[in-house]
Amino acid sequence: FKPDVVHLHDLPGFFLNYFSFLDFLKEKKIPVLWTFHSEFMITGNCGATNGCEKWRVSCESCPQKSIFPETWIFDFSRYLFFRKKRLFQNQSRISITTPSAWLGHNVAASPMLGSDTIIKTVPNGVDCETFRVGASHEFPSVRSRTDEFIVIAVGANLMSNAKGGSFVTELAARLPGITFLLVGATEGGKRLPP
């Protein structure tokens, strides 16, 4: 079995040895399209740098080792940083996409990737027949205080620093005439705008 192309997504979990897998794909000369949804592959270990700039040179003494994917005792960030860097060397059959220009900019700035690596931004698609602009009375399952707009923000653990829920609530406070619906904001006791 030799596919024409393999499309990968984020691999920070503990379910696949991506080093061995990419070596296999390279050996078999199988092209790879890899969509990065986080900064995991350009850092020593973390999925979101949260302002840390070490990834621009070399990760070590990771300030976020207890954040997913956790390494509670040992700090392998330097080892993994250089192992990932070696992984990308001579990988001429890998093209990378990111869903945002911001992430694409960070990936392009990474010292891990060769200058010939193809990096494209491909925004996540939206089915405009299902998700469309319309008056709130067209959507009876969402009770709105206004007929203007409803903004829906979705993310697992939405209020964490990595997901940016605080930016959504800050925006909601600035726009009192718009209804914000937060899905995945499980933290109780957080003060939210009306």
Protein backbone atom coordinates (compact mmCIF):
# COMPACT_ATOMS: atom_id res chain seq x y z
CA PHE A 1 0.00 0.00 0.00
CA LYS A 2 1.50 3.30 -1.09
CA PRO A 3 -0.82 6.32 -0.92
CA ASP A 4 -0.35 9.26 -3.27
CA VAL A 5 -0.13 11.63 -0.32
CA VAL A 6 -0.55 11.46 3.47
CA HIS A 7 -2.34 14.34 5.19
CA LEU A 8 -1.32 14.75 8.83
CA HIS A 9 -2.78 17.00 11.50
CA ASP A 10 -1.48 17.83 14.98
CA LEU A 11 0.37 14.94 16.57
CA PRO A 12 1.12 16.03 20.17
CA GLY A 13 -0.68 13.07 21.74
CA PHE A 14 0.87 9.85 22.90
CA PHE A 15 -0.66 7.65 20.21
CA LEU A 16 1.92 7.80 17.41
CA ASN A 17 5.70 7.85 17.21
CA TYR A 18 5.79 10.59 14.59
CA PHE A 19 9.59 10.36 14.31
CA SER A 20 9.42 6.76 13.08
CA PHE A 21 6.31 7.45 11.00
CA LEU A 22 7.89 10.38 9.13
CA ASP A 23 11.10 8.43 8.60
CA PHE A 24 8.97 5.66 7.05
CA LEU A 25 7.16 8.15 4.77
CA LYS A 26 10.50 9.66 3.73
CA GLU A 27 11.97 6.23 2.99
CA LYS A 28 8.94 5.31 0.87
CA LYS A 29 9.04 8.72 -0.88
CA ILE A 30 5.44 9.46 0.05
CA PRO A 31 4.55 13.17 -0.08
CA VAL A 32 3.16 14.64 3.14
CA LEU A 33 0.73 17.50 3.60
CA TRP A 34 0.86 18.46 7.26
CA THR A 35 -1.65 20.85 8.79
CA PHE A 36 -0.31 22.47 11.94
CA HIS A 37 -3.12 23.53 14.28
CA SER A 38 -0.73 24.54 17.05
CA GLU A 39 2.91 25.43 17.63
CA PHE A 40 3.78 21.92 18.86
CA MET A 41 6.01 20.92 15.95
CA ILE A 42 8.12 24.12 16.10
CA THR A 43 8.78 23.92 19.86
CA GLY A 44 10.53 21.51 22.12
CA ASN A 45 7.28 20.30 23.59
CA CYS A 46 4.49 22.84 24.11
CA GLY A 47 1.44 23.28 21.91
CA ALA A 48 1.15 27.01 22.60
CA THR A 49 4.16 29.20 23.33
CA ASN A 50 2.09 31.69 25.35
CA GLY A 51 4.66 34.42 24.75
CA CYS A 52 7.77 32.27 25.29
CA GLU A 53 10.30 33.02 22.55
CA LYS A 54 12.80 30.20 23.19
CA TRP A 55 11.53 28.26 20.15
CA ARG A 56 13.12 30.88 17.88
CA VAL A 57 16.58 29.54 18.79
CA SER A 58 16.43 26.45 21.00
CA CYS A 59 13.98 25.27 23.61
CA GLU A 60 15.33 24.38 27.04
CA SER A 61 14.34 24.86 30.69
CA CYS A 62 10.73 24.91 29.54
CA PRO A 63 8.53 27.21 31.63
CA GLN A 64 5.43 25.28 30.46
CA LYS A 65 6.41 21.66 30.97
CA SER A 66 3.32 21.02 33.12
CA ILE A 67 0.98 22.15 30.30
CA PHE A 68 -0.25 19.66 27.68
CA PRO A 69 1.54 17.60 26.64
CA GLU A 70 2.80 17.40 30.21
CA THR A 71 6.23 16.29 31.35
CA TRP A 72 6.01 16.75 35.10
CA ILE A 73 9.46 15.59 36.21
CA PHE A 74 11.94 15.76 33.35
CA ASP A 75 12.45 18.58 30.88
CA PHE A 76 13.02 17.03 27.46
CA SER A 77 12.35 20.26 25.56
CA ARG A 78 15.94 20.76 24.32
CA TYR A 79 16.27 17.11 23.26
CA LEU A 80 12.89 17.14 21.47
CA PHE A 81 13.60 20.52 19.84
CA PHE A 82 16.74 19.21 18.13
CA ARG A 83 15.19 15.83 17.37
CA LYS A 84 12.30 17.58 15.59
CA LYS A 85 14.78 19.81 13.78
CA ARG A 86 16.66 16.73 12.49
CA LEU A 87 13.34 15.21 11.51
CA PHE A 88 12.58 18.11 9.17
CA GLN A 89 16.03 18.19 7.61
CA ASN A 90 16.07 16.73 4.11
CA GLN A 91 12.29 16.25 4.12
CA SER A 92 11.68 17.70 0.69
CA ARG A 93 8.33 15.93 0.38
CA ILE A 94 6.61 17.81 3.24
CA SER A 95 4.30 20.76 2.64
CA ILE A 96 2.80 22.56 5.63
CA THR A 97 -0.50 24.35 5.95
CA THR A 98 -1.80 26.44 8.85
CA PRO A 99 -5.36 27.67 9.42
CA SER A 100 -4.22 31.21 10.33
CA ALA A 101 -1.71 33.74 9.01
CA TRP A 102 -0.43 34.24 12.58
CA LEU A 103 0.49 30.56 12.95
CA GLY A 104 1.89 30.48 9.41
CA HIS A 105 4.16 33.42 10.27
CA ASN A 106 5.46 31.61 13.38
CA VAL A 107 6.01 28.37 11.48
CA ALA A 108 7.94 30.25 8.76
CA ALA A 109 10.10 31.88 11.47
CA SER A 110 11.01 28.52 12.98
CA PRO A 111 14.65 27.41 12.68
CA MET A 112 13.42 23.82 12.38
CA LEU A 113 12.24 24.03 8.81
CA GLY A 114 14.39 24.44 5.73
CA SER A 115 14.06 27.57 3.63
CA ASP A 116 12.60 25.45 0.82
CA THR A 117 9.72 24.16 2.95
CA ILE A 118 6.36 25.09 1.42
CA ILE A 119 4.13 26.80 4.01
CA LYS A 120 0.63 27.95 3.05
CA THR A 121 -2.22 29.41 5.05
CA VAL A 122 -5.52 27.67 4.36
CA PRO A 123 -8.29 29.00 6.63
CA ASN A 124 -10.74 26.49 8.04
CA GLY A 125 -13.78 26.24 5.83
CA VAL A 126 -17.32 27.15 6.84
CA ASP A 127 -20.42 25.66 5.23
CA CYS A 128 -22.22 28.90 4.34
CA GLU A 129 -25.51 27.06 3.77
CA THR A 130 -25.58 25.89 7.38
CA PHE A 131 -23.75 28.79 9.04
CA ARG A 132 -24.95 32.07 7.63
CA VAL A 133 -25.58 35.64 8.64
CA GLY A 134 -29.20 36.13 9.58
CA ALA A 135 -31.56 37.70 12.07
CA SER A 136 -31.66 36.04 15.49
CA HIS A 137 -35.37 35.12 15.10
CA GLU A 138 -34.26 32.73 12.33
CA PHE A 139 -32.40 30.72 14.98
CA PRO A 140 -35.01 29.90 17.65
CA SER A 141 -32.61 27.67 19.61
CA VAL A 142 -30.50 30.71 20.53
CA ARG A 143 -32.39 33.32 22.52
CA SER A 144 -30.83 36.68 21.74
CA ARG A 145 -31.28 40.01 23.48
CA THR A 146 -30.75 41.72 20.17
CA ASP A 147 -31.58 41.33 16.52
CA GLU A 148 -28.07 42.34 15.46
CA PHE A 149 -25.49 39.58 15.81
CA ILE A 150 -24.69 36.48 17.82
CA VAL A 151 -21.00 35.59 18.14
CA ILE A 152 -20.24 31.96 19.00
CA ALA A 153 -16.82 31.05 20.41
CA VAL A 154 -16.04 27.33 20.68
CA GLY A 155 -13.08 25.56 22.24
CA ALA A 156 -12.26 22.85 24.75
CA ASN A 157 -11.32 24.62 27.98
CA LEU A 158 -12.12 27.89 26.23
CA MET A 159 -11.08 30.17 29.10
CA SER A 160 -7.52 28.79 29.26
CA ASN A 161 -4.63 30.98 28.10
CA ALA A 162 -4.01 28.61 25.21
CA LYS A 163 -7.57 29.01 23.83
CA GLY A 164 -7.90 32.78 24.34
CA GLY A 165 -11.33 32.92 25.94
CA SER A 166 -10.27 36.04 27.84
CA PHE A 167 -10.03 37.87 24.51
CA VAL A 168 -13.61 36.86 23.71
CA THR A 169 -14.91 38.13 27.06
CA GLU A 170 -12.91 41.37 26.63
CA LEU A 171 -14.51 41.83 23.22
CA ALA A 172 -17.95 41.06 24.69
CA ALA A 173 -17.45 43.77 27.31
CA ARG A 174 -16.64 46.29 24.56
CA LEU A 175 -19.67 45.29 22.47
CA PRO A 176 -22.67 45.24 24.83
CA GLY A 177 -25.24 45.18 21.99
CA ILE A 178 -24.04 41.81 20.70
CA THR A 179 -24.80 38.42 22.23
CA PHE A 180 -21.81 36.13 22.80
CA LEU A 181 -22.34 32.40 23.21
CA LEU A 182 -19.35 30.56 24.74
CA VAL A 183 -19.15 26.81 24.19
CA GLY A 184 -16.53 24.99 26.24
CA ALA A 185 -16.14 27.66 28.94
CA THR A 186 -16.44 25.20 31.83
CA GLU A 187 -14.70 27.24 34.51
CA GLY A 188 -17.24 28.32 37.11
CA GLY A 189 -16.99 31.59 39.01
CA LYS A 190 -15.38 33.58 36.23
CA ARG A 191 -16.88 37.03 35.91
CA LEU A 192 -18.39 37.46 32.50
CA PRO A 193 -19.85 40.60 30.94
CA PRO A 194 -23.67 40.77 30.99
